[in-house]
PDB file of N, CA and C in Angstrom:
ATOM      1  N   MET A   1       0.853  -1.167   0.000  1.00  0.00           N
ATOM      2  CA  MET A   1       0.000   0.000   0.000  1.00  0.00           C
ATOM      3  C   MET A   1       0.902   1.235   0.000  1.00  0.00           C
ATOM      4  N   SER A   2       0.568   2.180  -0.836  1.00  0.00           N
ATOM      5  CA  SER A   2       1.413   3.368  -0.979  1.00  0.00           C
ATOM      6  C   SER A   2       1.225   4.349   0.181  1.00  0.00           C
ATOM      7  N   ARG A   3       2.220   5.166   0.378  1.00  0.00           N
ATOM      8  CA  ARG A   3       2.152   6.214   1.405  1.00  0.00           C
ATOM      9  C   ARG A   3       0.993   7.164   1.114  1.00  0.00           C
ATOM     10  N   LYS A   4       0.798   7.469  -0.160  1.00  0.00           N
ATOM     11  CA  LYS A   4      -0.285   8.370  -0.567  1.00  0.00           C
ATOM     12  C   LYS A   4      -1.649   7.785  -0.180  1.00  0.00           C
ATOM     13  N   LEU A   5      -1.830   6.484  -0.397  1.00  0.00           N
ATOM     14  CA  LEU A   5      -3.086   5.825  -0.036  1.00  0.00           C
ATOM     15  C   LEU A   5      -3.277   5.830   1.476  1.00  0.00           C
ATOM     16  N   ARG A   6      -2.215   5.557   2.225  1.00  0.00           N
ATOM     17  CA  ARG A   6      -2.304   5.590   3.695  1.00  0.00           C
ATOM     18  C   ARG A   6      -2.755   6.963   4.181  1.00  0.00           C
ATOM     19  N   LEU A   7      -2.148   8.013   3.643  1.00  0.00           N
ATOM     20  CA  LEU A   7      -2.517   9.374   4.046  1.00  0.00           C
ATOM     21  C   LEU A   7      -3.961   9.686   3.674  1.00  0.00           C
ATOM     22  N   LEU A   8      -4.406   9.223   2.526  1.00  0.00           N
ATOM     23  CA  LEU A   8      -5.786   9.434   2.103  1.00  0.00           C
ATOM     24  C   LEU A   8      -6.765   8.804   3.099  1.00  0.00           C
ATOM     25  N   ILE A   9      -6.477   7.582   3.537  1.00  0.00           N
ATOM     26  CA  ILE A   9      -7.346   6.884   4.493  1.00  0.00           C
ATOM     27  C   ILE A   9      -7.317   7.585   5.851  1.00  0.00           C
ATOM     28  N   LEU A  10      -6.136   7.962   6.327  1.00  0.00           N
ATOM     29  CA  LEU A  10      -6.032   8.676   7.604  1.00  0.00           C
ATOM     30  C   LEU A  10      -6.836   9.972   7.563  1.00  0.00           C
ATOM     31  N   GLU A  11      -6.708  10.712   6.482  1.00  0.00           N
ATOM     32  CA  GLU A  11      -7.456  11.968   6.338  1.00  0.00           C
ATOM     33  C   GLU A  11      -8.958  11.700   6.283  1.00  0.00           C
ATOM     34  N   ARG A  12      -9.358  10.715   5.493  1.00  0.00           N
ATOM     35  CA  ARG A  12     -10.785  10.379   5.371  1.00  0.00           C
ATOM     36  C   ARG A  12     -11.393  10.051   6.733  1.00  0.00           C
ATOM     37  N   ASP A  13     -10.633   9.319   7.561  1.00  0.00           N
ATOM     38  CA  ASP A  13     -11.133   8.882   8.863  1.00  0.00           C
ATOM     39  C   ASP A  13     -10.881   9.904   9.970  1.00  0.00           C
ATOM     40  N   GLY A  14     -10.399  11.082   9.606  1.00  0.00           N
ATOM     41  CA  GLY A  14     -10.210  12.154  10.580  1.00  0.00           C
ATOM     42  C   GLY A  14      -9.094  11.896  11.575  1.00  0.00           C
ATOM     43  N   TYR A  15      -8.110  11.097  11.174  1.00  0.00           N
ATOM     44  CA  TYR A  15      -6.987  10.753  12.054  1.00  0.00           C
ATOM     45  C   TYR A  15      -7.492  10.206  13.391  1.00  0.00           C
ATOM     46  N   ARG A  16      -8.525   9.346  13.320  1.00  0.00           N
ATOM     47  CA  ARG A  16      -9.113   8.695  14.494  1.00  0.00           C
ATOM     48  C   ARG A  16      -9.249   7.202  14.233  1.00  0.00           C
ATOM     49  N   CYS A  17      -9.096   6.423  15.289  1.00  0.00           N
ATOM     50  CA  CYS A  17      -9.341   4.988  15.204  1.00  0.00           C
ATOM     51  C   CYS A  17     -10.834   4.773  14.949  1.00  0.00           C
ATOM     52  N   CYS A  18     -11.164   3.975  13.970  1.00  0.00           N
ATOM     53  CA  CYS A  18     -12.562   3.710  13.620  1.00  0.00           C
ATOM     54  C   CYS A  18     -13.270   2.820  14.639  1.00  0.00           C
ATOM     55  N   LEU A  19     -12.533   2.162  15.519  1.00  0.00           N
ATOM     56  CA  LEU A  19     -13.163   1.312  16.533  1.00  0.00           C
ATOM     57  C   LEU A  19     -13.312   2.012  17.880  1.00  0.00           C
ATOM     58  N   CYS A  20     -12.254   2.635  18.383  1.00  0.00           N
ATOM     59  CA  CYS A  20     -12.318   3.228  19.727  1.00  0.00           C
ATOM     60  C   CYS A  20     -12.356   4.751  19.724  1.00  0.00           C
ATOM     61  N   GLY A  21     -12.030   5.373  18.593  1.00  0.00           N
ATOM     62  CA  GLY A  21     -12.103   6.826  18.491  1.00  0.00           C
ATOM     63  C   GLY A  21     -10.874   7.590  18.944  1.00  0.00           C
ATOM     64  N   ARG A  22      -9.838   6.888  19.394  1.00  0.00           N
ATOM     65  CA  ARG A  22      -8.629   7.607  19.810  1.00  0.00           C
ATOM     66  C   ARG A  22      -7.980   8.288  18.619  1.00  0.00           C
ATOM     67  N   THR A  23      -7.291   9.385  18.906  1.00  0.00           N
ATOM     68  CA  THR A  23      -6.678  10.192  17.852  1.00  0.00           C
ATOM     69  C   THR A  23      -5.177   9.939  17.759  1.00  0.00           C
ATOM     70  N   ALA A  24      -4.583  10.525  16.726  1.00  0.00           N
ATOM     71  CA  ALA A  24      -3.139  10.403  16.518  1.00  0.00           C
ATOM     72  C   ALA A  24      -2.358  11.048  17.659  1.00  0.00           C
ATOM     73  N   ARG A  25      -2.959  11.985  18.360  1.00  0.00           N
ATOM     74  CA  ARG A  25      -2.285  12.605  19.514  1.00  0.00           C
ATOM     75  C   ARG A  25      -2.233  11.659  20.709  1.00  0.00           C
ATOM     76  N   GLU A  26      -3.155  10.700  20.741  1.00  0.00           N
ATOM     77  CA  GLU A  26      -3.259   9.785  21.876  1.00  0.00           C
ATOM     78  C   GLU A  26      -2.527   8.463  21.673  1.00  0.00           C
ATOM     79  N   THR A  27      -2.361   8.051  20.428  1.00  0.00           N
ATOM     80  CA  THR A  27      -1.802   6.729  20.152  1.00  0.00           C
ATOM     81  C   THR A  27      -1.280   6.667  18.722  1.00  0.00           C
ATOM     82  N   LYS A  28      -0.587   5.602  18.407  1.00  0.00           N
ATOM     83  CA  LYS A  28      -0.112   5.383  17.035  1.00  0.00           C
ATOM     84  C   LYS A  28      -1.274   4.836  16.210  1.00  0.00           C
ATOM     85  N   LEU A  29      -1.474   5.416  15.036  1.00  0.00           N
ATOM     86  CA  LEU A  29      -2.532   4.960  14.137  1.00  0.00           C
ATOM     87  C   LEU A  29      -1.938   4.186  12.968  1.00  0.00           C
ATOM     88  N   GLU A  30      -2.694   3.196  12.502  1.00  0.00           N
ATOM     89  CA  GLU A  30      -2.282   2.377  11.370  1.00  0.00           C
ATOM     90  C   GLU A  30      -3.452   2.245  10.401  1.00  0.00           C
ATOM     91  N   VAL A  31      -3.157   2.099   9.138  1.00  0.00           N
ATOM     92  CA  VAL A  31      -4.193   1.808   8.147  1.00  0.00           C
ATOM     93  C   VAL A  31      -4.212   0.295   7.966  1.00  0.00           C
ATOM     94  N   ASP A  32      -5.397  -0.287   8.099  1.00  0.00           N
ATOM     95  CA  ASP A  32      -5.531  -1.740   8.082  1.00  0.00           C
ATOM     96  C   ASP A  32      -6.621  -2.165   7.104  1.00  0.00           C
ATOM     97  N   HIS A  33      -6.547  -3.410   6.696  1.00  0.00           N
ATOM     98  CA  HIS A  33      -7.568  -3.995   5.821  1.00  0.00           C
ATOM     99  C   HIS A  33      -8.716  -4.533   6.673  1.00  0.00           C
ATOM    100  N   LYS A  34      -9.951  -4.222   6.310  1.00  0.00           N
ATOM    101  CA  LYS A  34     -11.115  -4.800   6.991  1.00  0.00           C
ATOM    102  C   LYS A  34     -11.166  -6.297   6.704  1.00  0.00           C
ATOM    103  N   ILE A  35     -11.029  -6.655   5.448  1.00  0.00           N
ATOM    104  CA  ILE A  35     -10.888  -8.062   5.048  1.00  0.00           C
ATOM    105  C   ILE A  35      -9.418  -8.250   4.700  1.00  0.00           C
ATOM    106  N   PRO A  36      -8.694  -9.065   5.476  1.00  0.00           N
ATOM    107  CA  PRO A  36      -7.258  -9.234   5.247  1.00  0.00           C
ATOM    108  C   PRO A  36      -6.943  -9.688   3.821  1.00  0.00           C
ATOM    109  N   VAL A  37      -5.821  -9.244   3.322  1.00  0.00           N
ATOM    110  CA  VAL A  37      -5.362  -9.637   1.984  1.00  0.00           C
ATOM    111  C   VAL A  37      -5.280 -11.161   1.890  1.00  0.00           C
ATOM    112  N   ALA A  38      -4.836 -11.803   2.963  1.00  0.00           N
ATOM    113  CA  ALA A  38      -4.710 -13.264   2.980  1.00  0.00           C
ATOM    114  C   ALA A  38      -6.062 -13.962   2.814  1.00  0.00           C
ATOM    115  N   LYS A  39      -7.154 -13.225   3.087  1.00  0.00           N
ATOM    116  CA  LYS A  39      -8.498 -13.802   2.952  1.00  0.00           C
ATOM    117  C   LYS A  39      -9.251 -13.192   1.776  1.00  0.00           C
ATOM    118  N   GLY A  40      -8.505 -12.613   0.831  1.00  0.00           N
ATOM    119  CA  GLY A  40      -9.112 -12.103  -0.388  1.00  0.00           C
ATOM    120  C   GLY A  40      -9.382 -10.609  -0.414  1.00  0.00           C
ATOM    121  N   GLY A  41      -8.998  -9.891   0.639  1.00  0.00           N
ATOM    122  CA  GLY A  41      -9.205  -8.445   0.681  1.00  0.00           C
ATOM    123  C   GLY A  41      -8.272  -7.711  -0.270  1.00  0.00           C
ATOM    124  N   THR A  42      -8.667  -6.496  -0.626  1.00  0.00           N
ATOM    125  CA  THR A  42      -7.878  -5.685  -1.554  1.00  0.00           C
ATOM    126  C   THR A  42      -7.511  -4.354  -0.902  1.00  0.00           C
ATOM    127  N   ASP A  43      -6.775  -3.540  -1.639  1.00  0.00           N
ATOM    128  CA  ASP A  43      -6.409  -2.200  -1.180  1.00  0.00           C
ATOM    129  C   ASP A  43      -7.440  -1.154  -1.605  1.00  0.00           C
ATOM    130  N   SER A  44      -8.670  -1.565  -1.863  1.00  0.00           N
ATOM    131  CA  SER A  44      -9.701  -0.604  -2.258  1.00  0.00           C
ATOM    132  C   SER A  44     -10.088   0.262  -1.056  1.00  0.00           C
ATOM    133  N   LEU A  45     -10.554   1.468  -1.334  1.00  0.00           N
ATOM    134  CA  LEU A  45     -10.888   2.417  -0.271  1.00  0.00           C
ATOM    135  C   LEU A  45     -11.909   1.864   0.712  1.00  0.00           C
ATOM    136  N   ASN A  46     -12.871   1.091   0.231  1.00  0.00           N
ATOM    137  CA  ASN A  46     -13.900   0.574   1.142  1.00  0.00           C
ATOM    138  C   ASN A  46     -13.422  -0.619   1.964  1.00  0.00           C
ATOM    139  N   ASN A  47     -12.220  -1.104   1.722  1.00  0.00           N
ATOM    140  CA  ASN A  47     -11.666  -2.203   2.520  1.00  0.00           C
ATOM    141  C   ASN A  47     -10.566  -1.723   3.465  1.00  0.00           C
ATOM    142  N   LEU A  48     -10.316  -0.440   3.506  1.00  0.00           N
ATOM    143  CA  LEU A  48      -9.259   0.105   4.361  1.00  0.00           C
ATOM    144  C   LEU A  48      -9.861   1.025   5.409  1.00  0.00           C
ATOM    145  N   TRP A  49      -9.293   0.987   6.608  1.00  0.00           N
ATOM    146  CA  TRP A  49      -9.733   1.875   7.673  1.00  0.00           C
ATOM    147  C   TRP A  49      -8.590   2.168   8.611  1.00  0.00           C
ATOM    148  N   THR A  50      -8.768   3.191   9.420  1.00  0.00           N
ATOM    149  CA  THR A  50      -7.764   3.608  10.386  1.00  0.00           C
ATOM    150  C   THR A  50      -8.055   2.939  11.720  1.00  0.00           C
ATOM    151  N   LEU A  51      -7.033   2.292  12.275  1.00  0.00           N
ATOM    152  CA  LEU A  51      -7.136   1.688  13.601  1.00  0.00           C
ATOM    153  C   LEU A  51      -5.945   2.122  14.438  1.00  0.00           C
ATOM    154  N   CYS A  52      -6.160   2.239  15.760  1.00  0.00           N
ATOM    155  CA  CYS A  52      -5.019   2.477  16.640  1.00  0.00           C
ATOM    156  C   CYS A  52      -4.267   1.159  16.781  1.00  0.00           C
ATOM    157  N   ILE A  53      -3.063   1.237  17.258  1.00  0.00           N
ATOM    158  CA  ILE A  53      -2.227   0.040  17.360  1.00  0.00           C
ATOM    159  C   ILE A  53      -2.868  -1.012  18.270  1.00  0.00           C
ATOM    160  N   ASP A  54      -3.534  -0.569  19.353  1.00  0.00           N
ATOM    161  CA  ASP A  54      -4.160  -1.524  20.276  1.00  0.00           C
ATOM    162  C   ASP A  54      -5.343  -2.248  19.629  1.00  0.00           C
ATOM    163  N   CYS A  55      -6.217  -1.503  18.965  1.00  0.00           N
ATOM    164  CA  CYS A  55      -7.369  -2.132  18.295  1.00  0.00           C
ATOM    165  C   CYS A  55      -6.915  -3.036  17.156  1.00  0.00           C
ATOM    166  N   ASN A  56      -5.898  -2.625  16.427  1.00  0.00           N
ATOM    167  CA  ASN A  56      -5.412  -3.437  15.314  1.00  0.00           C
ATOM    168  C   ASN A  56      -4.815  -4.744  15.815  1.00  0.00           C
ATOM    169  N   ARG A  57      -4.070  -4.705  16.894  1.00  0.00           N
ATOM    170  CA  ARG A  57      -3.475  -5.932  17.434  1.00  0.00           C
ATOM    171  C   ARG A  57      -4.558  -6.842  18.004  1.00  0.00           C
ATOM    172  N   GLY A  58      -5.581  -6.260  18.617  1.00  0.00           N
ATOM    173  CA  GLY A  58      -6.668  -7.053  19.183  1.00  0.00           C
ATOM    174  C   GLY A  58      -7.532  -7.692  18.112  1.00  0.00           C
ATOM    175  N   LYS A  59      -7.645  -7.025  16.958  1.00  0.00           N
ATOM    176  CA  LYS A  59      -8.462  -7.517  15.850  1.00  0.00           C
ATOM    177  C   LYS A  59      -7.819  -8.719  15.191  1.00  0.00           C
ATOM    178  N   SER A  60      -6.511  -8.706  15.076  1.00  0.00           N
ATOM    179  CA  SER A  60      -5.752  -9.768  14.421  1.00  0.00           C
ATOM    180  C   SER A  60      -6.272  -9.992  13.006  1.00  0.00           C
ATOM    181  N   ASP A  61      -6.648 -11.210  12.668  1.00  0.00           N
ATOM    182  CA  ASP A  61      -7.138 -11.517  11.320  1.00  0.00           C
ATOM    183  C   ASP A  61      -8.652 -11.688  11.281  1.00  0.00           C
ATOM    184  N   LEU A  62      -9.346 -11.157  12.285  1.00  0.00           N
ATOM    185  CA  LEU A  62     -10.804 -11.225  12.277  1.00  0.00           C
ATOM    186  C   LEU A  62     -11.350 -10.350  11.163  1.00  0.00           C
ATOM    187  N   ILE A  63     -12.479 -10.712  10.647  1.00  0.00           N
ATOM    188  CA  ILE A  63     -13.172  -9.876   9.668  1.00  0.00           C
ATOM    189  C   ILE A  63     -14.309  -9.199  10.405  1.00  0.00           C
ATOM    190  N   LEU A  64     -14.239  -7.868  10.487  1.00  0.00           N
ATOM    191  CA  LEU A  64     -15.261  -7.116  11.231  1.00  0.00           C
ATOM    192  C   LEU A  64     -16.241  -6.456  10.304  1.00  0.00           C
TER     193      LEU A  64
END
């Protein structure tokens, strides 16, 4: 995934975790796949979202 795409997703999501609402000032944010690539997910905009590091680690490979 390109840096440009990551920034687009972060901006779209308001630099907030889509699960817990924490901001970039409070925690490290990551762009993650809703449906993992290993399970057929793509880099399309509707399959990407912003998660904080804690929510992303807790989610693992679950499909939410």
